[in-house]
Structures are given as C-alpha cells and as structure tokens.
C-alpha cells in the first residue's frame, strides 16, 4: 500500500515516504535484494508548474548503502497548449566512501 501525501511546511509541498524491497541484479557478491526508502515531495509553485522530487536510500548495501542518496527532480511546465518535462537526477554523497588503509 502506497501512503498518501501529507502537507508539509504550511502546505507549500506534500510529502510521503514509501518503503519496498528491490532486487539487486548484476552484482557478483553481496545481497540479492535490498530494503529501500523513497521520500517523495510534490509542489505546485504556480498555476503552470508542477515539481516532483524523490530521494532513494538503499539500506542493505554493505559498506556504502548509507553513504549516498539517489535524487531525482521532475518539472512539468505548461507552455501554451503543450507542456515541457525536465528530468534531472544526481547521486548525493552524504558521507565519505574512500577506503581507509
């Protein structure tokens, strides 16, 4: 069951957190699946623009799972009778991943 969005920051955006199990394919070692937490935020800064962003954290990846978030940003903007969709993503390193010797 996917939870509903709830208003945040006096209703300037809506947020929900989704948890699920994701398979890990192509890795010769390590777990075959991981628990995932995704945080979704949606806002409508004006009448012609919708913004959806998410951050994803994999919990069961040995050594590095808590070192980064995968973040995506979707912007939909009305342009006349059409719309433009812009999608961006990044890996946000929240702690060092350098191997200590």
PDB file of N, CA and C in Angstrom:
ATOM      1  N   UNK A   1       0.846  -1.177   0.000  1.00  0.00           N
ATOM      2  CA  UNK A   1       0.000   0.000   0.000  1.00  0.00           C
ATOM      3  C   UNK A   1       0.891   1.241   0.000  1.00  0.00           C
ATOM      4  N   UNK A   2       0.665   2.109  -0.940  1.00  0.00           N
ATOM      5  CA  UNK A   2       1.418   3.359  -1.023  1.00  0.00           C
ATOM      6  C   UNK A   2       0.699   4.398  -0.165  1.00  0.00           C
ATOM      7  N   UNK A   3       1.429   5.032   0.775  1.00  0.00           N
ATOM      8  CA  UNK A   3       0.779   6.007   1.643  1.00  0.00           C
ATOM      9  C   UNK A   3       0.381   7.272   0.885  1.00  0.00           C
ATOM     10  N   UNK A   4      -0.559   7.989   1.448  1.00  0.00           N
ATOM     11  CA  UNK A   4      -0.992   9.258   0.874  1.00  0.00           C
ATOM     12  C   UNK A   4       0.029  10.349   1.162  1.00  0.00           C
ATOM     13  N   UNK A   5       0.003  11.391   0.357  1.00  0.00           N
ATOM     14  CA  UNK A   5       0.825  12.568   0.620  1.00  0.00           C
ATOM     15  C   UNK A   5       0.212  13.341   1.785  1.00  0.00           C
ATOM     16  N   UNK A   6       1.066  13.938   2.601  1.00  0.00           N
ATOM     17  CA  UNK A   6       0.602  14.802   3.685  1.00  0.00           C
ATOM     18  C   UNK A   6       1.223  16.183   3.505  1.00  0.00           C
ATOM     19  N   UNK A   7       0.487  17.235   3.855  1.00  0.00           N
ATOM     20  CA  UNK A   7       1.033  18.589   3.697  1.00  0.00           C
ATOM     21  C   UNK A   7       2.195  18.843   4.649  1.00  0.00           C
ATOM     22  N   UNK A   8       3.195  19.569   4.160  1.00  0.00           N
ATOM     23  CA  UNK A   8       4.371  19.945   4.939  1.00  0.00           C
ATOM     24  C   UNK A   8       4.610  21.442   4.758  1.00  0.00           C
ATOM     25  N   UNK A   9       5.324  22.042   5.713  1.00  0.00           N
ATOM     26  CA  UNK A   9       5.729  23.440   5.621  1.00  0.00           C
ATOM     27  C   UNK A   9       4.536  24.348   5.277  1.00  0.00           C
ATOM     28  N   UNK A  10       3.491  24.238   6.093  1.00  0.00           N
ATOM     29  CA  UNK A  10       2.269  25.037   5.905  1.00  0.00           C
ATOM     30  C   UNK A  10       1.617  24.829   4.541  1.00  0.00           C
ATOM     31  N   UNK A  11       1.734  23.623   4.006  1.00  0.00           N
ATOM     32  CA  UNK A  11       1.075  23.289   2.747  1.00  0.00           C
ATOM     33  C   UNK A  11       1.804  23.739   1.501  1.00  0.00           C
ATOM     34  N   UNK A  12       3.078  24.182   1.616  1.00  0.00           N
ATOM     35  CA  UNK A  12       3.811  24.594   0.418  1.00  0.00           C
ATOM     36  C   UNK A  12       4.233  23.400  -0.436  1.00  0.00           C
ATOM     37  N   UNK A  13       4.310  22.214   0.179  1.00  0.00           N
ATOM     38  CA  UNK A  13       4.544  20.995  -0.573  1.00  0.00           C
ATOM     39  C   UNK A  13       3.915  19.827   0.179  1.00  0.00           C
ATOM     40  N   UNK A  14       3.815  18.694  -0.497  1.00  0.00           N
ATOM     41  CA  UNK A  14       3.252  17.482   0.087  1.00  0.00           C
ATOM     42  C   UNK A  14       4.324  16.405   0.050  1.00  0.00           C
ATOM     43  N   UNK A  15       4.308  15.528   1.058  1.00  0.00           N
ATOM     44  CA  UNK A  15       5.385  14.554   1.218  1.00  0.00           C
ATOM     45  C   UNK A  15       4.811  13.194   1.599  1.00  0.00           C
ATOM     46  N   UNK A  16       5.511  12.147   1.171  1.00  0.00           N
ATOM     47  CA  UNK A  16       5.212  10.786   1.637  1.00  0.00           C
ATOM     48  C   UNK A  16       6.499   9.989   1.609  1.00  0.00           C
ATOM     49  N   UNK A  17       6.514   8.918   2.386  1.00  0.00           N
ATOM     50  CA  UNK A  17       7.670   8.022   2.422  1.00  0.00           C
ATOM     51  C   UNK A  17       7.184   6.616   2.085  1.00  0.00           C
ATOM     52  N   UNK A  18       7.868   5.998   1.140  1.00  0.00           N
ATOM     53  CA  UNK A  18       7.495   4.678   0.642  1.00  0.00           C
ATOM     54  C   UNK A  18       8.646   3.721   0.937  1.00  0.00           C
ATOM     55  N   UNK A  19       8.341   2.536   1.427  1.00  0.00           N
ATOM     56  CA  UNK A  19       9.367   1.513   1.646  1.00  0.00           C
ATOM     57  C   UNK A  19       9.013   0.286   0.816  1.00  0.00           C
ATOM     58  N   UNK A  20      10.048  -0.367   0.283  1.00  0.00           N
ATOM     59  CA  UNK A  20       9.830  -1.570  -0.522  1.00  0.00           C
ATOM     60  C   UNK A  20      11.130  -2.354  -0.611  1.00  0.00           C
ATOM     61  N   UNK A  21      11.054  -3.552  -1.163  1.00  0.00           N
ATOM     62  CA  UNK A  21      12.211  -4.411  -1.399  1.00  0.00           C
ATOM     63  C   UNK A  21      12.526  -4.360  -2.886  1.00  0.00           C
ATOM     64  N   UNK A  22      13.804  -4.120  -3.223  1.00  0.00           N
ATOM     65  CA  UNK A  22      14.221  -4.049  -4.624  1.00  0.00           C
ATOM     66  C   UNK A  22      15.274  -5.120  -4.896  1.00  0.00           C
ATOM     67  N   UNK A  23      15.145  -5.845  -6.015  1.00  0.00           N
ATOM     68  CA  UNK A  23      16.181  -6.818  -6.354  1.00  0.00           C
ATOM     69  C   UNK A  23      17.473  -6.117  -6.766  1.00  0.00           C
ATOM     70  N   UNK A  24      18.603  -6.756  -6.540  1.00  0.00           N
ATOM     71  CA  UNK A  24      19.904  -6.256  -6.986  1.00  0.00           C
ATOM     72  C   UNK A  24      20.398  -7.223  -8.046  1.00  0.00           C
ATOM     73  N   UNK A  25      20.543  -6.725  -9.267  1.00  0.00           N
ATOM     74  CA  UNK A  25      20.950  -7.584 -10.376  1.00  0.00           C
ATOM     75  C   UNK A  25      22.359  -7.222 -10.825  1.00  0.00           C
ATOM     76  N   UNK A  26      23.116  -8.201 -11.245  1.00  0.00           N
ATOM     77  CA  UNK A  26      24.420  -7.971 -11.836  1.00  0.00           C
ATOM     78  C   UNK A  26      25.568  -7.827 -10.844  1.00  0.00           C
ATOM     79  N   UNK A  27      25.300  -7.889  -9.555  1.00  0.00           N
ATOM     80  CA  UNK A  27      26.373  -7.795  -8.566  1.00  0.00           C
ATOM     81  C   UNK A  27      26.838  -9.212  -8.218  1.00  0.00           C
ATOM     82  N   UNK A  28      28.124  -9.516  -8.435  1.00  0.00           N
ATOM     83  CA  UNK A  28      28.599 -10.880  -8.192  1.00  0.00           C
ATOM     84  C   UNK A  28      28.631 -11.252  -6.709  1.00  0.00           C
ATOM     85  N   UNK A  29      28.730 -10.248  -5.830  1.00  0.00           N
ATOM     86  CA  UNK A  29      28.762 -10.514  -4.396  1.00  0.00           C
ATOM     87  C   UNK A  29      27.731  -9.611  -3.727  1.00  0.00           C
ATOM     88  N   UNK A  30      27.427  -9.916  -2.498  1.00  0.00           N
ATOM     89  CA  UNK A  30      26.506  -9.071  -1.751  1.00  0.00           C
ATOM     90  C   UNK A  30      25.089  -9.607  -1.786  1.00  0.00           C
ATOM     91  N   UNK A  31      24.155  -8.840  -1.233  1.00  0.00           N
ATOM     92  CA  UNK A  31      22.777  -9.308  -1.145  1.00  0.00           C
ATOM     93  C   UNK A  31      22.100  -9.344  -2.516  1.00  0.00           C
ATOM     94  N   UNK A  32      21.097 -10.181  -2.635  1.00  0.00           N
ATOM     95  CA  UNK A  32      20.319 -10.294  -3.877  1.00  0.00           C
ATOM     96  C   UNK A  32      19.173  -9.287  -3.916  1.00  0.00           C
ATOM     97  N   UNK A  33      18.891  -8.664  -2.756  1.00  0.00           N
ATOM     98  CA  UNK A  33      17.842  -7.648  -2.685  1.00  0.00           C
ATOM     99  C   UNK A  33      18.175  -6.696  -1.546  1.00  0.00           C
ATOM    100  N   UNK A  34      17.521  -5.535  -1.555  1.00  0.00           N
ATOM    101  CA  UNK A  34      17.743  -4.548  -0.508  1.00  0.00           C
ATOM    102  C   UNK A  34      16.433  -3.860  -0.131  1.00  0.00           C
ATOM    103  N   UNK A  35      16.341  -3.485   1.129  1.00  0.00           N
ATOM    104  CA  UNK A  35      15.230  -2.641   1.553  1.00  0.00           C
ATOM    105  C   UNK A  35      15.514  -1.227   1.063  1.00  0.00           C
ATOM    106  N   UNK A  36      14.486  -0.546   0.592  1.00  0.00           N
ATOM    107  CA  UNK A  36      14.630   0.795   0.030  1.00  0.00           C
ATOM    108  C   UNK A  36      13.643   1.727   0.710  1.00  0.00           C
ATOM    109  N   UNK A  37      14.112   2.948   0.992  1.00  0.00           N
ATOM    110  CA  UNK A  37      13.231   4.014   1.469  1.00  0.00           C
ATOM    111  C   UNK A  37      13.262   5.114   0.425  1.00  0.00           C
ATOM    112  N   UNK A  38      12.094   5.476  -0.080  1.00  0.00           N
ATOM    113  CA  UNK A  38      11.976   6.591  -1.009  1.00  0.00           C
ATOM    114  C   UNK A  38      11.129   7.672  -0.363  1.00  0.00           C
ATOM    115  N   UNK A  39      11.613   8.907  -0.450  1.00  0.00           N
ATOM    116  CA  UNK A  39      10.855  10.053   0.012  1.00  0.00           C
ATOM    117  C   UNK A  39      10.426  10.845  -1.213  1.00  0.00           C
ATOM    118  N   UNK A  40       9.125  11.085  -1.329  1.00  0.00           N
ATOM    119  CA  UNK A  40       8.562  11.835  -2.453  1.00  0.00           C
ATOM    120  C   UNK A  40       8.051  13.176  -1.957  1.00  0.00           C
ATOM    121  N   UNK A  41       8.322  14.214  -2.717  1.00  0.00           N
ATOM    122  CA  UNK A  41       7.781  15.546  -2.431  1.00  0.00           C
ATOM    123  C   UNK A  41       7.187  16.102  -3.708  1.00  0.00           C
ATOM    124  N   UNK A  42       6.033  16.743  -3.588  1.00  0.00           N
ATOM    125  CA  UNK A  42       5.393  17.344  -4.755  1.00  0.00           C
ATOM    126  C   UNK A  42       4.923  18.748  -4.377  1.00  0.00           C
ATOM    127  N   UNK A  43       5.094  19.677  -5.302  1.00  0.00           N
ATOM    128  CA  UNK A  43       4.654  21.050  -5.071  1.00  0.00           C
ATOM    129  C   UNK A  43       4.181  21.649  -6.391  1.00  0.00           C
ATOM    130  N   UNK A  44       3.419  22.714  -6.258  1.00  0.00           N
ATOM    131  CA  UNK A  44       2.931  23.452  -7.420  1.00  0.00           C
ATOM    132  C   UNK A  44       3.193  24.931  -7.140  1.00  0.00           C
ATOM    133  N   UNK A  45       4.408  25.412  -7.510  1.00  0.00           N
ATOM    134  CA  UNK A  45       4.782  26.780  -7.163  1.00  0.00           C
ATOM    135  C   UNK A  45       3.915  27.854  -7.819  1.00  0.00           C
ATOM    136  N   UNK A  46       3.288  27.505  -8.944  1.00  0.00           N
ATOM    137  CA  UNK A  46       2.351  28.420  -9.598  1.00  0.00           C
ATOM    138  C   UNK A  46       1.359  27.596 -10.410  1.00  0.00           C
ATOM    139  N   UNK A  47       0.457  28.251 -11.099  1.00  0.00           N
ATOM    140  CA  UNK A  47      -0.624  27.546 -11.806  1.00  0.00           C
ATOM    141  C   UNK A  47      -0.165  26.757 -13.022  1.00  0.00           C
ATOM    142  N   UNK A  48       1.058  26.992 -13.472  1.00  0.00           N
ATOM    143  CA  UNK A  48       1.521  26.330 -14.692  1.00  0.00           C
ATOM    144  C   UNK A  48       2.703  25.394 -14.475  1.00  0.00           C
ATOM    145  N   UNK A  49       3.054  25.135 -13.223  1.00  0.00           N
ATOM    146  CA  UNK A  49       4.236  24.316 -12.966  1.00  0.00           C
ATOM    147  C   UNK A  49       3.981  23.316 -11.840  1.00  0.00           C
ATOM    148  N   UNK A  50       4.434  22.079 -12.063  1.00  0.00           N
ATOM    149  CA  UNK A  50       4.350  21.011 -11.068  1.00  0.00           C
ATOM    150  C   UNK A  50       5.756  20.463 -10.879  1.00  0.00           C
ATOM    151  N   UNK A  51       6.172  20.300  -9.628  1.00  0.00           N
ATOM    152  CA  UNK A  51       7.508  19.783  -9.325  1.00  0.00           C
ATOM    153  C   UNK A  51       7.365  18.539  -8.464  1.00  0.00           C
ATOM    154  N   UNK A  52       8.027  17.467  -8.890  1.00  0.00           N
ATOM    155  CA  UNK A  52       8.051  16.214  -8.138  1.00  0.00           C
ATOM    156  C   UNK A  52       9.505  15.845  -7.923  1.00  0.00           C
ATOM    157  N   UNK A  53       9.912  15.650  -6.668  1.00  0.00           N
ATOM    158  CA  UNK A  53      11.278  15.196  -6.430  1.00  0.00           C
ATOM    159  C   UNK A  53      11.260  14.005  -5.490  1.00  0.00           C
ATOM    160  N   UNK A  54      12.292  13.185  -5.622  1.00  0.00           N
ATOM    161  CA  UNK A  54      12.388  11.999  -4.775  1.00  0.00           C
ATOM    162  C   UNK A  54      13.833  11.775  -4.372  1.00  0.00           C
ATOM    163  N   UNK A  55      14.007  11.149  -3.219  1.00  0.00           N
ATOM    164  CA  UNK A  55      15.323  10.692  -2.789  1.00  0.00           C
ATOM    165  C   UNK A  55      15.185   9.225  -2.403  1.00  0.00           C
ATOM    166  N   UNK A  56      16.175   8.431  -2.801  1.00  0.00           N
ATOM    167  CA  UNK A  56      16.134   6.984  -2.608  1.00  0.00           C
ATOM    168  C   UNK A  56      17.366   6.547  -1.837  1.00  0.00           C
ATOM    169  N   UNK A  57      17.135   5.751  -0.794  1.00  0.00           N
ATOM    170  CA  UNK A  57      18.224   5.215   0.012  1.00  0.00           C
ATOM    171  C   UNK A  57      18.074   3.694   0.095  1.00  0.00           C
ATOM    172  N   UNK A  58      19.148   2.974  -0.259  1.00  0.00           N
ATOM    173  CA  UNK A  58      19.168   1.513  -0.157  1.00  0.00           C
ATOM    174  C   UNK A  58      19.802   1.139   1.174  1.00  0.00           C
ATOM    175  N   UNK A  59      19.112   0.345   1.955  1.00  0.00           N
ATOM    176  CA  UNK A  59      19.537   0.093   3.329  1.00  0.00           C
ATOM    177  C   UNK A  59      20.478  -1.090   3.509  1.00  0.00           C
ATOM    178  N   UNK A  60      20.470  -2.038   2.598  1.00  0.00           N
ATOM    179  CA  UNK A  60      21.200  -3.293   2.826  1.00  0.00           C
ATOM    180  C   UNK A  60      22.430  -3.466   1.941  1.00  0.00           C
ATOM    181  N   UNK A  61      22.997  -2.384   1.446  1.00  0.00           N
ATOM    182  CA  UNK A  61      24.205  -2.455   0.633  1.00  0.00           C
ATOM    183  C   UNK A  61      25.408  -2.373   1.578  1.00  0.00           C
ATOM    184  N   UNK A  62      26.234  -3.417   1.630  1.00  0.00           N
ATOM    185  CA  UNK A  62      27.353  -3.405   2.579  1.00  0.00           C
ATOM    186  C   UNK A  62      28.315  -2.233   2.337  1.00  0.00           C
ATOM    187  N   UNK A  63      28.753  -1.619   3.397  1.00  0.00           N
ATOM    188  CA  UNK A  63      29.748  -0.549   3.452  1.00  0.00           C
ATOM    189  C   UNK A  63      29.288   0.788   2.874  1.00  0.00           C
ATOM    190  N   UNK A  64      28.532   0.803   1.788  1.00  0.00           N
ATOM    191  CA  UNK A  64      28.253   2.060   1.093  1.00  0.00           C
ATOM    192  C   UNK A  64      26.785   2.461   1.048  1.00  0.00           C
ATOM    193  N   UNK A  65      25.881   1.607   1.462  1.00  0.00           N
ATOM    194  CA  UNK A  65      24.450   1.883   1.338  1.00  0.00           C
ATOM    195  C   UNK A  65      24.008   3.156   2.036  1.00  0.00           C
ATOM    196  N   UNK A  66      24.663   3.504   3.137  1.00  0.00           N
ATOM    197  CA  UNK A  66      24.270   4.716   3.863  1.00  0.00           C
ATOM    198  C   UNK A  66      25.137   5.911   3.480  1.00  0.00           C
ATOM    199  N   UNK A  67      25.929   5.786   2.411  1.00  0.00           N
ATOM    200  CA  UNK A  67      26.847   6.857   2.017  1.00  0.00           C
ATOM    201  C   UNK A  67      26.268   7.808   0.975  1.00  0.00           C
ATOM    202  N   UNK A  68      25.190   7.415   0.320  1.00  0.00           N
ATOM    203  CA  UNK A  68      24.657   8.274  -0.732  1.00  0.00           C
ATOM    204  C   UNK A  68      23.149   8.110  -0.872  1.00  0.00           C
ATOM    205  N   UNK A  69      22.544   9.114  -1.505  1.00  0.00           N
ATOM    206  CA  UNK A  69      21.140   9.093  -1.896  1.00  0.00           C
ATOM    207  C   UNK A  69      21.081   9.284  -3.408  1.00  0.00           C
ATOM    208  N   UNK A  70      20.155   8.618  -4.064  1.00  0.00           N
ATOM    209  CA  UNK A  70      19.888   8.891  -5.472  1.00  0.00           C
ATOM    210  C   UNK A  70      18.685   9.823  -5.493  1.00  0.00           C
ATOM    211  N   UNK A  71      18.867  11.002  -6.087  1.00  0.00           N
ATOM    212  CA  UNK A  71      17.819  12.013  -6.082  1.00  0.00           C
ATOM    213  C   UNK A  71      17.368  12.307  -7.512  1.00  0.00           C
ATOM    214  N   UNK A  72      16.072  12.501  -7.685  1.00  0.00           N
ATOM    215  CA  UNK A  72      15.543  12.867  -8.996  1.00  0.00           C
ATOM    216  C   UNK A  72      14.609  14.062  -8.848  1.00  0.00           C
ATOM    217  N   UNK A  73      14.531  14.839  -9.910  1.00  0.00           N
ATOM    218  CA  UNK A  73      13.689  16.033  -9.940  1.00  0.00           C
ATOM    219  C   UNK A  73      12.961  16.064 -11.279  1.00  0.00           C
ATOM    220  N   UNK A  74      11.644  16.090 -11.217  1.00  0.00           N
ATOM    221  CA  UNK A  74      10.798  16.171 -12.404  1.00  0.00           C
ATOM    222  C   UNK A  74      10.066  17.502 -12.359  1.00  0.00           C
ATOM    223  N   UNK A  75      10.177  18.284 -13.430  1.00  0.00           N
ATOM    224  CA  UNK A  75       9.453  19.548 -13.537  1.00  0.00           C
ATOM    225  C   UNK A  75       8.573  19.500 -14.764  1.00  0.00           C
ATOM    226  N   UNK A  76       7.290  19.757 -14.561  1.00  0.00           N
ATOM    227  CA  UNK A  76       6.325  19.826 -15.659  1.00  0.00           C
ATOM    228  C   UNK A  76       5.830  21.261 -15.712  1.00  0.00           C
ATOM    229  N   UNK A  77       5.986  21.892 -16.876  1.00  0.00           N
ATOM    230  CA  UNK A  77       5.597  23.288 -17.014  1.00  0.00           C
ATOM    231  C   UNK A  77       4.708  23.438 -18.239  1.00  0.00           C
ATOM    232  N   UNK A  78       3.576  24.078 -18.049  1.00  0.00           N
ATOM    233  CA  UNK A  78       2.663  24.349 -19.154  1.00  0.00           C
ATOM    234  C   UNK A  78       3.247  25.446 -20.021  1.00  0.00           C
ATOM    235  N   UNK A  79       3.227  25.197 -21.339  1.00  0.00           N
ATOM    236  CA  UNK A  79       3.673  26.187 -22.313  1.00  0.00           C
ATOM    237  C   UNK A  79       2.594  26.257 -23.382  1.00  0.00           C
ATOM    238  N   UNK A  80       1.720  27.238 -23.265  1.00  0.00           N
ATOM    239  CA  UNK A  80       0.587  27.326 -24.187  1.00  0.00           C
ATOM    240  C   UNK A  80      -0.313  26.124 -24.011  1.00  0.00           C
ATOM    241  N   UNK A  81      -0.574  25.407 -25.108  1.00  0.00           N
ATOM    242  CA  UNK A  81      -1.405  24.198 -25.056  1.00  0.00           C
ATOM    243  C   UNK A  81      -0.564  22.938 -24.849  1.00  0.00           C
ATOM    244  N   UNK A  82       0.736  23.097 -24.693  1.00  0.00           N
ATOM    245  CA  UNK A  82       1.652  21.971 -24.518  1.00  0.00           C
ATOM    246  C   UNK A  82       2.258  22.017 -23.117  1.00  0.00           C
ATOM    247  N   UNK A  83       3.154  21.083 -22.865  1.00  0.00           N
ATOM    248  CA  UNK A  83       3.912  21.131 -21.618  1.00  0.00           C
ATOM    249  C   UNK A  83       5.337  20.661 -21.873  1.00  0.00           C
ATOM    250  N   UNK A  84       6.247  21.170 -21.068  1.00  0.00           N
ATOM    251  CA  UNK A  84       7.645  20.739 -21.095  1.00  0.00           C
ATOM    252  C   UNK A  84       7.901  19.893 -19.867  1.00  0.00           C
ATOM    253  N   UNK A  85       8.626  18.807 -20.047  1.00  0.00           N
ATOM    254  CA  UNK A  85       9.031  17.945 -18.942  1.00  0.00           C
ATOM    255  C   UNK A  85      10.554  17.945 -18.881  1.00  0.00           C
ATOM    256  N   UNK A  86      11.087  18.310 -17.729  1.00  0.00           N
ATOM    257  CA  UNK A  86      12.530  18.284 -17.493  1.00  0.00           C
ATOM    258  C   UNK A  86      12.789  17.295 -16.370  1.00  0.00           C
ATOM    259  N   UNK A  87      13.706  16.360 -16.606  1.00  0.00           N
ATOM    260  CA  UNK A  87      14.056  15.358 -15.598  1.00  0.00           C
ATOM    261  C   UNK A  87      15.549  15.478 -15.309  1.00  0.00           C
ATOM    262  N   UNK A  88      15.874  15.580 -14.024  1.00  0.00           N
ATOM    263  CA  UNK A  88      17.267  15.629 -13.598  1.00  0.00           C
ATOM    264  C   UNK A  88      17.457  14.580 -12.508  1.00  0.00           C
ATOM    265  N   UNK A  89      18.662  14.068 -12.390  1.00  0.00           N
ATOM    266  CA  UNK A  89      18.975  13.161 -11.287  1.00  0.00           C
ATOM    267  C   UNK A  89      20.429  13.358 -10.893  1.00  0.00           C
ATOM    268  N   UNK A  90      20.737  12.938  -9.672  1.00  0.00           N
ATOM    269  CA  UNK A  90      22.105  13.016  -9.193  1.00  0.00           C
ATOM    270  C   UNK A  90      22.304  11.995  -8.085  1.00  0.00           C
ATOM    271  N   UNK A  91      23.565  11.688  -7.840  1.00  0.00           N
ATOM    272  CA  UNK A  91      23.943  10.883  -6.686  1.00  0.00           C
ATOM    273  C   UNK A  91      24.501  11.863  -5.661  1.00  0.00           C
ATOM    274  N   UNK A  92      23.849  11.972  -4.527  1.00  0.00           N
ATOM    275  CA  UNK A  92      24.239  12.900  -3.477  1.00  0.00           C
ATOM    276  C   UNK A  92      25.005  12.116  -2.408  1.00  0.00           C
ATOM    277  N   UNK A  93      26.329  12.305  -2.367  1.00  0.00           N
ATOM    278  CA  UNK A  93      27.153  11.614  -1.374  1.00  0.00           C
ATOM    279  C   UNK A  93      27.007  12.340  -0.041  1.00  0.00           C
ATOM    280  N   UNK A  94      26.519  11.609   0.957  1.00  0.00           N
ATOM    281  CA  UNK A  94      26.273  12.210   2.277  1.00  0.00           C
ATOM    282  C   UNK A  94      27.342  11.809   3.280  1.00  0.00           C
ATOM    283  N   UNK A  95      28.228  10.896   2.910  1.00  0.00           N
ATOM    284  CA  UNK A  95      29.408  10.589   3.708  1.00  0.00           C
ATOM    285  C   UNK A  95      30.495  10.029   2.804  1.00  0.00           C
ATOM    286  N   UNK A  96      31.703  10.044   3.321  1.00  0.00           N
ATOM    287  CA  UNK A  96      32.861   9.632   2.520  1.00  0.00           C
ATOM    288  C   UNK A  96      32.781   8.144   2.176  1.00  0.00           C
ATOM    289  N   UNK A  97      33.246   7.807   0.974  1.00  0.00           N
ATOM    290  CA  UNK A  97      33.281   6.407   0.559  1.00  0.00           C
ATOM    291  C   UNK A  97      34.709   5.935   0.301  1.00  0.00           C
ATOM    292  N   UNK A  98      35.687   6.725   0.678  1.00  0.00           N
ATOM    293  CA  UNK A  98      37.074   6.333   0.496  1.00  0.00           C
ATOM    294  C   UNK A  98      37.447   5.180   1.423  1.00  0.00           C
ATOM    295  N   UNK A  99      38.171   4.225   0.878  1.00  0.00           N
ATOM    296  CA  UNK A  99      38.619   3.076   1.653  1.00  0.00           C
ATOM    297  C   UNK A  99      39.785   3.505   2.519  1.00  0.00           C
ATOM    298  N   UNK A 100      39.716   3.170   3.797  1.00  0.00           N
ATOM    299  CA  UNK A 100      40.795   3.516   4.718  1.00  0.00           C
ATOM    300  C   UNK A 100      41.787   2.359   4.773  1.00  0.00           C
ATOM    301  N   UNK A 101      43.090   2.685   4.741  1.00  0.00           N
ATOM    302  CA  UNK A 101      44.103   1.643   4.727  1.00  0.00           C
ATOM    303  C   UNK A 101      44.978   1.626   5.938  1.00  0.00           C
TER     304      UNK A 101
END
